[in-house]
Amino acid sequence: MKKLLLLLALTISLIACVPIHSELVYKIALTDNLENEVIESYKKTLKSIDYIEGKNVEYTIYSVDEIDKIKANLIITKDYYPHSEAPVIAYSHNCFVNTVKSIQEPEGHITGIMNKHHIQKLLDYLLKEKYKKIGIVYDNDYTIQVNTLKIPNNKVSIYKQKINNQNIMKDIDILVLLTSHDISNIITKYKNTPIISHDLKYLDKVSFVYDVNQQELGKQLAVMSDKMLIGEANIKEMPIETIENFKIYKNEKH
């Protein structure tokens, strides 16, 4: 009887030392062109649904230049569509042009969030702020969005110009700058004019930025990530979502 009890105690002891299941650790790669506010909101949202850093999720920040070589369960990035093996959820200013087969069914390893009505919303904001003469300098990526802008009345003057045009638009109240290229030359030409951009990466160079609400973007990216990681959605069939929450950011140094 004593031997039986001893054997039973030993068995229970051994069982106690072996985990019932080993928890999967998700490796999520974040690229360094994402704003800090987006990353913080993204991590906070995932934490609220039980993705605990150091326990079942691991985050690594990578340079965009390294993205094609990343080995991870998921890549989160902005305005870049890598040829990696890992699935990608991207946030795009340019609406995934020539990147996916369709918005409803991407049919590849990339899906994400786009700000389809961003430029129209930016113009609507300026109209509410009573700007009367608005200049727009843009590159080819924004041609469609600029040419389809809806102007509600004829009391506002809109001047449009491609970025390679060297003429300076005079007597405008504000300049809208829509480009992914270097903006130093434009800043110099319009140094006495308030400039508003569409992308937070330019905040230290312009007067204002009208961009998506970074916290809301982080939350939306996190919810999409959860659906993919738990297998609720197949990334090839995950529709590209839009975001409707925008915010004005002021350069306090201007």
C-alpha atoms as a PDB file:
ATOM      1  CA  MET A   1       0.000   0.000   0.000  1.00  0.00           C
ATOM      2  CA  LYS A   2       2.853   2.376   0.905  1.00  0.00           C
ATOM      3  CA  LYS A   3       4.582   1.548  -2.387  1.00  0.00           C
ATOM      4  CA  LEU A   4       1.351   2.281  -4.278  1.00  0.00           C
ATOM      5  CA  LEU A   5       0.908   5.655  -2.533  1.00  0.00           C
ATOM      6  CA  LEU A   6       4.559   6.517  -3.184  1.00  0.00           C
ATOM      7  CA  LEU A   7       4.188   5.651  -6.869  1.00  0.00           C
ATOM      8  CA  LEU A   8       0.998   7.734  -7.091  1.00  0.00           C
ATOM      9  CA  ALA A   9       2.683  10.728  -5.441  1.00  0.00           C
ATOM     10  CA  LEU A  10       5.652  10.448  -7.814  1.00  0.00           C
ATOM     11  CA  THR A  11       3.334  10.323 -10.839  1.00  0.00           C
ATOM     12  CA  ILE A  12       1.415  13.422  -9.689  1.00  0.00           C
ATOM     13  CA  SER A  13       4.718  15.217  -9.103  1.00  0.00           C
ATOM     14  CA  LEU A  14       5.937  14.455 -12.629  1.00  0.00           C
ATOM     15  CA  ILE A  15       2.638  15.545 -14.177  1.00  0.00           C
ATOM     16  CA  ALA A  16       2.816  18.832 -12.283  1.00  0.00           C
ATOM     17  CA  CYS A  17       6.203  19.569 -13.843  1.00  0.00           C
ATOM     18  CA  VAL A  18       4.923  19.194 -17.429  1.00  0.00           C
ATOM     19  CA  PRO A  19       2.856  22.039 -18.907  1.00  0.00           C
ATOM     20  CA  ILE A  20      -0.574  20.970 -20.100  1.00  0.00           C
ATOM     21  CA  HIS A  21      -0.028  22.929 -23.319  1.00  0.00           C
ATOM     22  CA  SER A  22       2.762  25.059 -24.658  1.00  0.00           C
ATOM     23  CA  GLU A  23       1.531  28.544 -25.517  1.00  0.00           C
ATOM     24  CA  LEU A  24       2.202  29.816 -29.035  1.00  0.00           C
ATOM     25  CA  VAL A  25       4.264  33.019 -29.199  1.00  0.00           C
ATOM     26  CA  TYR A  26       3.216  35.229 -32.119  1.00  0.00           C
ATOM     27  CA  LYS A  27       6.094  37.149 -33.704  1.00  0.00           C
ATOM     28  CA  ILE A  28       4.872  40.499 -35.011  1.00  0.00           C
ATOM     29  CA  ALA A  29       7.181  42.737 -37.046  1.00  0.00           C
ATOM     30  CA  LEU A  30       6.544  46.502 -37.024  1.00  0.00           C
ATOM     31  CA  THR A  31       8.335  48.761 -39.506  1.00  0.00           C
ATOM     32  CA  ASP A  32      10.053  51.956 -38.442  1.00  0.00           C
ATOM     33  CA  ASN A  33       7.932  54.204 -40.685  1.00  0.00           C
ATOM     34  CA  LEU A  34       4.912  53.679 -38.407  1.00  0.00           C
ATOM     35  CA  GLU A  35       4.298  56.572 -36.008  1.00  0.00           C
ATOM     36  CA  ASN A  36       4.949  55.872 -32.309  1.00  0.00           C
ATOM     37  CA  GLU A  37       1.340  56.705 -31.455  1.00  0.00           C
ATOM     38  CA  VAL A  38       0.119  54.043 -33.895  1.00  0.00           C
ATOM     39  CA  ILE A  39       2.467  51.416 -32.435  1.00  0.00           C
ATOM     40  CA  GLU A  40       1.500  52.229 -28.847  1.00  0.00           C
ATOM     41  CA  SER A  41      -2.217  52.075 -29.644  1.00  0.00           C
ATOM     42  CA  TYR A  42      -1.714  48.837 -31.596  1.00  0.00           C
ATOM     43  CA  LYS A  43       0.070  47.119 -28.691  1.00  0.00           C
ATOM     44  CA  LYS A  44      -2.400  48.466 -26.121  1.00  0.00           C
ATOM     45  CA  THR A  45      -5.374  47.172 -28.094  1.00  0.00           C
ATOM     46  CA  LEU A  46      -3.855  43.704 -28.551  1.00  0.00           C
ATOM     47  CA  LYS A  47      -2.984  43.611 -24.848  1.00  0.00           C
ATOM     48  CA  SER A  48      -6.641  44.305 -24.030  1.00  0.00           C
ATOM     49  CA  ILE A  49      -7.567  41.103 -25.887  1.00  0.00           C
ATOM     50  CA  ASP A  50      -4.923  38.993 -24.120  1.00  0.00           C
ATOM     51  CA  TYR A  51      -1.848  39.348 -26.331  1.00  0.00           C
ATOM     52  CA  ILE A  52       0.704  39.769 -23.565  1.00  0.00           C
ATOM     53  CA  GLU A  53       4.184  40.909 -24.586  1.00  0.00           C
ATOM     54  CA  GLY A  54       6.812  38.477 -23.325  1.00  0.00           C
ATOM     55  CA  LYS A  55       4.210  35.755 -22.883  1.00  0.00           C
ATOM     56  CA  ASN A  56       2.343  35.021 -26.114  1.00  0.00           C
ATOM     57  CA  VAL A  57       3.435  37.868 -28.403  1.00  0.00           C
ATOM     58  CA  GLU A  58       6.810  39.309 -29.376  1.00  0.00           C
ATOM     59  CA  TYR A  59       7.245  42.653 -31.152  1.00  0.00           C
ATOM     60  CA  THR A  60      10.286  43.667 -33.195  1.00  0.00           C
ATOM     61  CA  ILE A  61      10.875  46.981 -34.979  1.00  0.00           C
ATOM     62  CA  TYR A  62      12.524  46.657 -38.388  1.00  0.00           C
ATOM     63  CA  SER A  63      13.778  49.137 -40.948  1.00  0.00           C
ATOM     64  CA  VAL A  64      11.653  49.238 -44.097  1.00  0.00           C
ATOM     65  CA  ASP A  65      14.833  48.273 -45.983  1.00  0.00           C
ATOM     66  CA  GLU A  66      14.855  44.914 -44.161  1.00  0.00           C
ATOM     67  CA  ILE A  67      11.198  44.100 -44.656  1.00  0.00           C
ATOM     68  CA  ASP A  68      11.565  41.579 -47.499  1.00  0.00           C
ATOM     69  CA  LYS A  69      13.790  39.400 -45.304  1.00  0.00           C
ATOM     70  CA  ILE A  70      11.629  39.436 -42.172  1.00  0.00           C
ATOM     71  CA  LYS A  71      10.499  36.089 -40.769  1.00  0.00           C
ATOM     72  CA  ALA A  72       7.416  36.649 -38.623  1.00  0.00           C
ATOM     73  CA  ASN A  73       3.817  35.562 -38.157  1.00  0.00           C
ATOM     74  CA  LEU A  74       2.695  39.000 -39.289  1.00  0.00           C
ATOM     75  CA  ILE A  75       4.153  42.274 -40.618  1.00  0.00           C
ATOM     76  CA  ILE A  76       2.562  45.656 -39.890  1.00  0.00           C
ATOM     77  CA  THR A  77       3.765  48.487 -42.127  1.00  0.00           C
ATOM     78  CA  LYS A  78       2.859  51.772 -43.815  1.00  0.00           C
ATOM     79  CA  ASP A  79       2.892  52.668 -47.520  1.00  0.00           C
ATOM     80  CA  TYR A  80       5.047  49.671 -48.388  1.00  0.00           C
ATOM     81  CA  TYR A  81       4.096  46.299 -49.828  1.00  0.00           C
ATOM     82  CA  PRO A  82       6.918  43.780 -49.347  1.00  0.00           C
ATOM     83  CA  HIS A  83       7.512  40.564 -51.262  1.00  0.00           C
ATOM     84  CA  SER A  84       7.935  38.651 -48.027  1.00  0.00           C
ATOM     85  CA  GLU A  85       6.697  35.209 -47.112  1.00  0.00           C
ATOM     86  CA  ALA A  86       4.927  36.601 -44.059  1.00  0.00           C
ATOM     87  CA  PRO A  87       1.387  37.993 -44.289  1.00  0.00           C
ATOM     88  CA  VAL A  88       1.250  41.797 -44.297  1.00  0.00           C
ATOM     89  CA  ILE A  89      -1.316  44.233 -42.935  1.00  0.00           C
ATOM     90  CA  ALA A  90      -0.452  47.659 -44.307  1.00  0.00           C
ATOM     91  CA  TYR A  91      -1.799  51.145 -43.843  1.00  0.00           C
ATOM     92  CA  SER A  92      -1.806  53.022 -47.150  1.00  0.00           C
ATOM     93  CA  HIS A  93      -2.084  56.663 -48.167  1.00  0.00           C
ATOM     94  CA  ASN A  94      -2.222  55.564 -51.803  1.00  0.00           C
ATOM     95  CA  CYS A  95      -5.083  53.081 -51.701  1.00  0.00           C
ATOM     96  CA  PHE A  96      -3.091  49.936 -52.667  1.00  0.00           C
ATOM     97  CA  VAL A  97      -2.815  50.914 -56.330  1.00  0.00           C
ATOM     98  CA  ASN A  98      -1.534  47.928 -58.390  1.00  0.00           C
ATOM     99  CA  THR A  99      -0.862  45.960 -55.179  1.00  0.00           C
ATOM    100  CA  VAL A 100      -3.905  43.716 -54.737  1.00  0.00           C
ATOM    101  CA  LYS A 101      -6.352  42.083 -57.106  1.00  0.00           C
ATOM    102  CA  SER A 102      -9.373  43.739 -55.535  1.00  0.00           C
ATOM    103  CA  ILE A 103     -10.388  45.615 -52.406  1.00  0.00           C
ATOM    104  CA  GLN A 104     -12.823  42.866 -51.390  1.00  0.00           C
ATOM    105  CA  GLU A 105     -10.505  39.908 -52.062  1.00  0.00           C
ATOM    106  CA  PRO A 106      -6.813  40.849 -52.195  1.00  0.00           C
ATOM    107  CA  GLU A 107      -5.856  37.259 -53.167  1.00  0.00           C
ATOM    108  CA  GLY A 108      -2.272  37.641 -51.968  1.00  0.00           C
ATOM    109  CA  HIS A 109      -0.336  38.004 -48.735  1.00  0.00           C
ATOM    110  CA  ILE A 110      -1.246  41.681 -48.268  1.00  0.00           C
ATOM    111  CA  THR A 111      -4.349  43.417 -46.935  1.00  0.00           C
ATOM    112  CA  GLY A 112      -4.834  46.467 -44.751  1.00  0.00           C
ATOM    113  CA  ILE A 113      -6.434  49.861 -44.276  1.00  0.00           C
ATOM    114  CA  MET A 114      -6.676  52.740 -46.740  1.00  0.00           C
ATOM    115  CA  ASN A 115      -7.765  56.358 -46.337  1.00  0.00           C
ATOM    116  CA  LYS A 116      -9.750  56.573 -49.548  1.00  0.00           C
ATOM    117  CA  HIS A 117     -11.353  59.973 -48.883  1.00  0.00           C
ATOM    118  CA  HIS A 118      -8.381  61.557 -47.136  1.00  0.00           C
ATOM    119  CA  ILE A 119      -7.714  64.413 -49.576  1.00  0.00           C
ATOM    120  CA  GLN A 120     -11.388  65.351 -49.852  1.00  0.00           C
ATOM    121  CA  LYS A 121     -11.647  65.433 -46.065  1.00  0.00           C
ATOM    122  CA  LEU A 122      -8.532  67.619 -45.916  1.00  0.00           C
ATOM    123  CA  LEU A 123     -10.116  70.088 -48.350  1.00  0.00           C
ATOM    124  CA  ASP A 124     -13.407  70.028 -46.433  1.00  0.00           C
ATOM    125  CA  TYR A 125     -11.475  70.890 -43.267  1.00  0.00           C
ATOM    126  CA  LEU A 126      -9.838  73.893 -44.976  1.00  0.00           C
ATOM    127  CA  LEU A 127     -13.202  75.099 -46.259  1.00  0.00           C
ATOM    128  CA  LYS A 128     -14.613  74.958 -42.729  1.00  0.00           C
ATOM    129  CA  GLU A 129     -11.646  77.031 -41.581  1.00  0.00           C
ATOM    130  CA  LYS A 130     -12.695  79.703 -44.124  1.00  0.00           C
ATOM    131  CA  TYR A 131      -9.650  79.544 -46.406  1.00  0.00           C
ATOM    132  CA  LYS A 132     -10.589  81.233 -49.701  1.00  0.00           C
ATOM    133  CA  LYS A 133      -7.507  80.720 -51.901  1.00  0.00           C
ATOM    134  CA  ILE A 134      -6.047  77.235 -51.651  1.00  0.00           C
ATOM    135  CA  GLY A 135      -3.029  76.030 -53.610  1.00  0.00           C
ATOM    136  CA  ILE A 136      -2.384  72.315 -54.122  1.00  0.00           C
ATOM    137  CA  VAL A 137       1.012  70.905 -55.129  1.00  0.00           C
ATOM    138  CA  TYR A 138       0.903  67.166 -55.797  1.00  0.00           C
ATOM    139  CA  ASP A 139       2.742  64.279 -57.430  1.00  0.00           C
ATOM    140  CA  ASN A 140       1.395  61.579 -59.770  1.00  0.00           C
ATOM    141  CA  ASP A 141       0.259  59.320 -56.920  1.00  0.00           C
ATOM    142  CA  TYR A 142      -2.420  61.863 -55.974  1.00  0.00           C
ATOM    143  CA  THR A 143      -3.582  62.888 -59.454  1.00  0.00           C
ATOM    144  CA  ILE A 144      -6.890  61.006 -59.301  1.00  0.00           C
ATOM    145  CA  GLN A 145      -7.738  62.223 -55.809  1.00  0.00           C
ATOM    146  CA  VAL A 146      -6.921  65.845 -56.666  1.00  0.00           C
ATOM    147  CA  ASN A 147      -8.829  65.808 -59.967  1.00  0.00           C
ATOM    148  CA  THR A 148     -11.958  64.375 -58.344  1.00  0.00           C
ATOM    149  CA  LEU A 149     -12.130  66.861 -55.460  1.00  0.00           C
ATOM    150  CA  LYS A 150     -15.600  68.269 -54.872  1.00  0.00           C
ATOM    151  CA  ILE A 151     -15.712  72.031 -54.291  1.00  0.00           C
ATOM    152  CA  PRO A 152     -19.090  73.029 -52.823  1.00  0.00           C
ATOM    153  CA  ASN A 153     -19.228  76.664 -54.009  1.00  0.00           C
ATOM    154  CA  ASN A 154     -17.602  79.192 -56.302  1.00  0.00           C
ATOM    155  CA  LYS A 155     -16.513  81.468 -53.459  1.00  0.00           C
ATOM    156  CA  VAL A 156     -13.348  79.403 -53.038  1.00  0.00           C
ATOM    157  CA  SER A 157     -10.430  79.393 -55.501  1.00  0.00           C
ATOM    158  CA  ILE A 158      -8.437  76.163 -55.883  1.00  0.00           C
ATOM    159  CA  TYR A 159      -5.117  76.249 -57.727  1.00  0.00           C
ATOM    160  CA  LYS A 160      -3.631  72.880 -58.727  1.00  0.00           C
ATOM    161  CA  GLN A 161      -0.062  72.288 -59.781  1.00  0.00           C
ATOM    162  CA  LYS A 162       2.167  69.244 -60.361  1.00  0.00           C
ATOM    163  CA  ILE A 163       5.223  69.055 -58.149  1.00  0.00           C
ATOM    164  CA  ASN A 164       7.674  69.456 -61.032  1.00  0.00           C
ATOM    165  CA  ASN A 165       6.201  72.831 -62.019  1.00  0.00           C
ATOM    166  CA  GLN A 166       8.658  75.548 -60.994  1.00  0.00           C
ATOM    167  CA  ASN A 167       6.131  78.415 -60.916  1.00  0.00           C
ATOM    168  CA  ILE A 168       5.152  79.813 -57.540  1.00  0.00           C
ATOM    169  CA  MET A 169       1.465  80.298 -56.785  1.00  0.00           C
ATOM    170  CA  LYS A 170       1.130  83.800 -55.338  1.00  0.00           C
ATOM    171  CA  ASP A 171      -1.393  85.266 -52.894  1.00  0.00           C
ATOM    172  CA  ILE A 172      -2.714  81.891 -51.706  1.00  0.00           C
ATOM    173  CA  ASP A 173      -3.948  81.565 -48.125  1.00  0.00           C
ATOM    174  CA  ILE A 174      -2.524  78.082 -47.611  1.00  0.00           C
ATOM    175  CA  LEU A 175      -0.634  75.442 -49.592  1.00  0.00           C
ATOM    176  CA  VAL A 176      -1.701  71.775 -49.583  1.00  0.00           C
ATOM    177  CA  LEU A 177       1.317  69.543 -50.141  1.00  0.00           C
ATOM    178  CA  LEU A 178       0.617  66.011 -51.398  1.00  0.00           C
ATOM    179  CA  THR A 179       3.746  64.029 -52.123  1.00  0.00           C
ATOM    180  CA  SER A 180       5.972  61.195 -50.963  1.00  0.00           C
ATOM    181  CA  HIS A 181       9.109  62.918 -52.244  1.00  0.00           C
ATOM    182  CA  ASP A 182      11.585  65.302 -50.654  1.00  0.00           C
ATOM    183  CA  ILE A 183       9.798  68.552 -49.834  1.00  0.00           C
ATOM    184  CA  SER A 184      12.750  70.813 -48.949  1.00  0.00           C
ATOM    185  CA  ASN A 185      12.634  72.758 -52.215  1.00  0.00           C
ATOM    186  CA  ILE A 186       8.911  73.423 -51.911  1.00  0.00           C
ATOM    187  CA  ILE A 187       9.248  74.524 -48.294  1.00  0.00           C
ATOM    188  CA  THR A 188      11.911  77.035 -49.391  1.00  0.00           C
ATOM    189  CA  LYS A 189       9.759  78.402 -52.234  1.00  0.00           C
ATOM    190  CA  TYR A 190       6.719  78.874 -49.987  1.00  0.00           C
ATOM    191  CA  LYS A 191       8.499  79.879 -46.789  1.00  0.00           C
ATOM    192  CA  ASN A 192       6.054  82.752 -46.150  1.00  0.00           C
ATOM    193  CA  THR A 193       2.931  80.646 -46.768  1.00  0.00           C
ATOM    194  CA  PRO A 194       1.256  78.288 -44.286  1.00  0.00           C
ATOM    195  CA  ILE A 195       1.654  74.708 -45.531  1.00  0.00           C
ATOM    196  CA  ILE A 196      -0.552  71.746 -44.656  1.00  0.00           C
ATOM    197  CA  SER A 197       0.457  68.173 -45.489  1.00  0.00           C
ATOM    198  CA  HIS A 198      -1.408  64.884 -45.517  1.00  0.00           C
ATOM    199  CA  ASP A 199       1.294  62.839 -43.778  1.00  0.00           C
ATOM    200  CA  LEU A 200       2.556  63.071 -40.199  1.00  0.00           C
ATOM    201  CA  LYS A 201       6.129  62.336 -41.258  1.00  0.00           C
ATOM    202  CA  TYR A 202       6.278  65.965 -42.458  1.00  0.00           C
ATOM    203  CA  LEU A 203       5.012  67.543 -39.223  1.00  0.00           C
ATOM    204  CA  ASP A 204       8.391  69.019 -38.281  1.00  0.00           C
ATOM    205  CA  LYS A 205       8.649  70.755 -41.691  1.00  0.00           C
ATOM    206  CA  VAL A 206       5.148  72.186 -42.294  1.00  0.00           C
ATOM    207  CA  SER A 207       2.634  74.270 -40.327  1.00  0.00           C
ATOM    208  CA  PHE A 208      -0.087  71.620 -40.044  1.00  0.00           C
ATOM    209  CA  VAL A 209      -0.768  68.005 -40.923  1.00  0.00           C
ATOM    210  CA  TYR A 210      -4.221  66.578 -41.547  1.00  0.00           C
ATOM    211  CA  ASP A 211      -3.794  62.852 -41.138  1.00  0.00           C
ATOM    212  CA  VAL A 212      -5.671  59.866 -39.775  1.00  0.00           C
ATOM    213  CA  ASN A 213      -6.212  59.688 -36.038  1.00  0.00           C
ATOM    214  CA  GLN A 214      -3.178  57.645 -35.042  1.00  0.00           C
ATOM    215  CA  GLN A 215      -4.814  56.001 -32.010  1.00  0.00           C
ATOM    216  CA  GLU A 216      -7.822  54.870 -34.037  1.00  0.00           C
ATOM    217  CA  LEU A 217      -5.536  53.538 -36.758  1.00  0.00           C
ATOM    218  CA  GLY A 218      -3.592  51.478 -34.203  1.00  0.00           C
ATOM    219  CA  LYS A 219      -6.830  50.009 -32.845  1.00  0.00           C
ATOM    220  CA  GLN A 220      -8.108  49.083 -36.302  1.00  0.00           C
ATOM    221  CA  LEU A 221      -4.808  47.434 -37.278  1.00  0.00           C
ATOM    222  CA  ALA A 222      -4.892  45.425 -34.026  1.00  0.00           C
ATOM    223  CA  VAL A 223      -8.426  44.136 -34.582  1.00  0.00           C
ATOM    224  CA  MET A 224      -7.506  43.008 -38.108  1.00  0.00           C
ATOM    225  CA  SER A 225      -4.345  41.344 -36.765  1.00  0.00           C
ATOM    226  CA  ASP A 226      -6.304  39.390 -34.166  1.00  0.00           C
ATOM    227  CA  LYS A 227      -8.698  38.018 -36.796  1.00  0.00           C
ATOM    228  CA  MET A 228      -5.784  36.799 -38.889  1.00  0.00           C
ATOM    229  CA  LEU A 229      -3.659  35.390 -36.060  1.00  0.00           C
ATOM    230  CA  ILE A 230      -6.464  33.304 -34.552  1.00  0.00           C
ATOM    231  CA  GLY A 231      -7.471  32.010 -37.986  1.00  0.00           C
ATOM    232  CA  GLU A 232     -10.846  33.708 -38.046  1.00  0.00           C
ATOM    233  CA  ALA A 233      -9.929  35.290 -41.391  1.00  0.00           C
ATOM    234  CA  ASN A 234      -7.716  34.263 -44.292  1.00  0.00           C
ATOM    235  CA  ILE A 235      -5.539  37.195 -45.361  1.00  0.00           C
ATOM    236  CA  LYS A 236      -6.184  36.395 -49.045  1.00  0.00           C
ATOM    237  CA  GLU A 237      -9.877  36.995 -48.437  1.00  0.00           C
ATOM    238  CA  MET A 238      -9.680  39.806 -45.851  1.00  0.00           C
ATOM    239  CA  PRO A 239     -11.211  42.915 -47.451  1.00  0.00           C
ATOM    240  CA  ILE A 240      -9.147  46.079 -47.329  1.00  0.00           C
ATOM    241  CA  GLU A 241     -10.821  48.391 -44.839  1.00  0.00           C
ATOM    242  CA  THR A 242     -11.147  52.174 -44.859  1.00  0.00           C
ATOM    243  CA  ILE A 243     -10.611  54.580 -41.991  1.00  0.00           C
ATOM    244  CA  GLU A 244     -12.859  57.554 -41.338  1.00  0.00           C
ATOM    245  CA  ASN A 245     -11.209  59.103 -38.266  1.00  0.00           C
ATOM    246  CA  PHE A 246      -8.929  62.061 -39.074  1.00  0.00           C
ATOM    247  CA  LYS A 247      -7.215  64.675 -36.959  1.00  0.00           C
ATOM    248  CA  ILE A 248      -5.404  68.000 -37.325  1.00  0.00           C
ATOM    249  CA  TYR A 249      -1.845  68.057 -35.966  1.00  0.00           C
ATOM    250  CA  LYS A 250      -0.179  71.455 -35.420  1.00  0.00           C
ATOM    251  CA  ASN A 251       3.563  71.989 -35.591  1.00  0.00           C
ATOM    252  CA  GLU A 252       4.084  73.799 -32.292  1.00  0.00           C
ATOM    253  CA  LYS A 253       7.461  75.140 -33.484  1.00  0.00           C
ATOM    254  CA  HIS A 254       5.891  77.112 -36.352  1.00  0.00           C
END
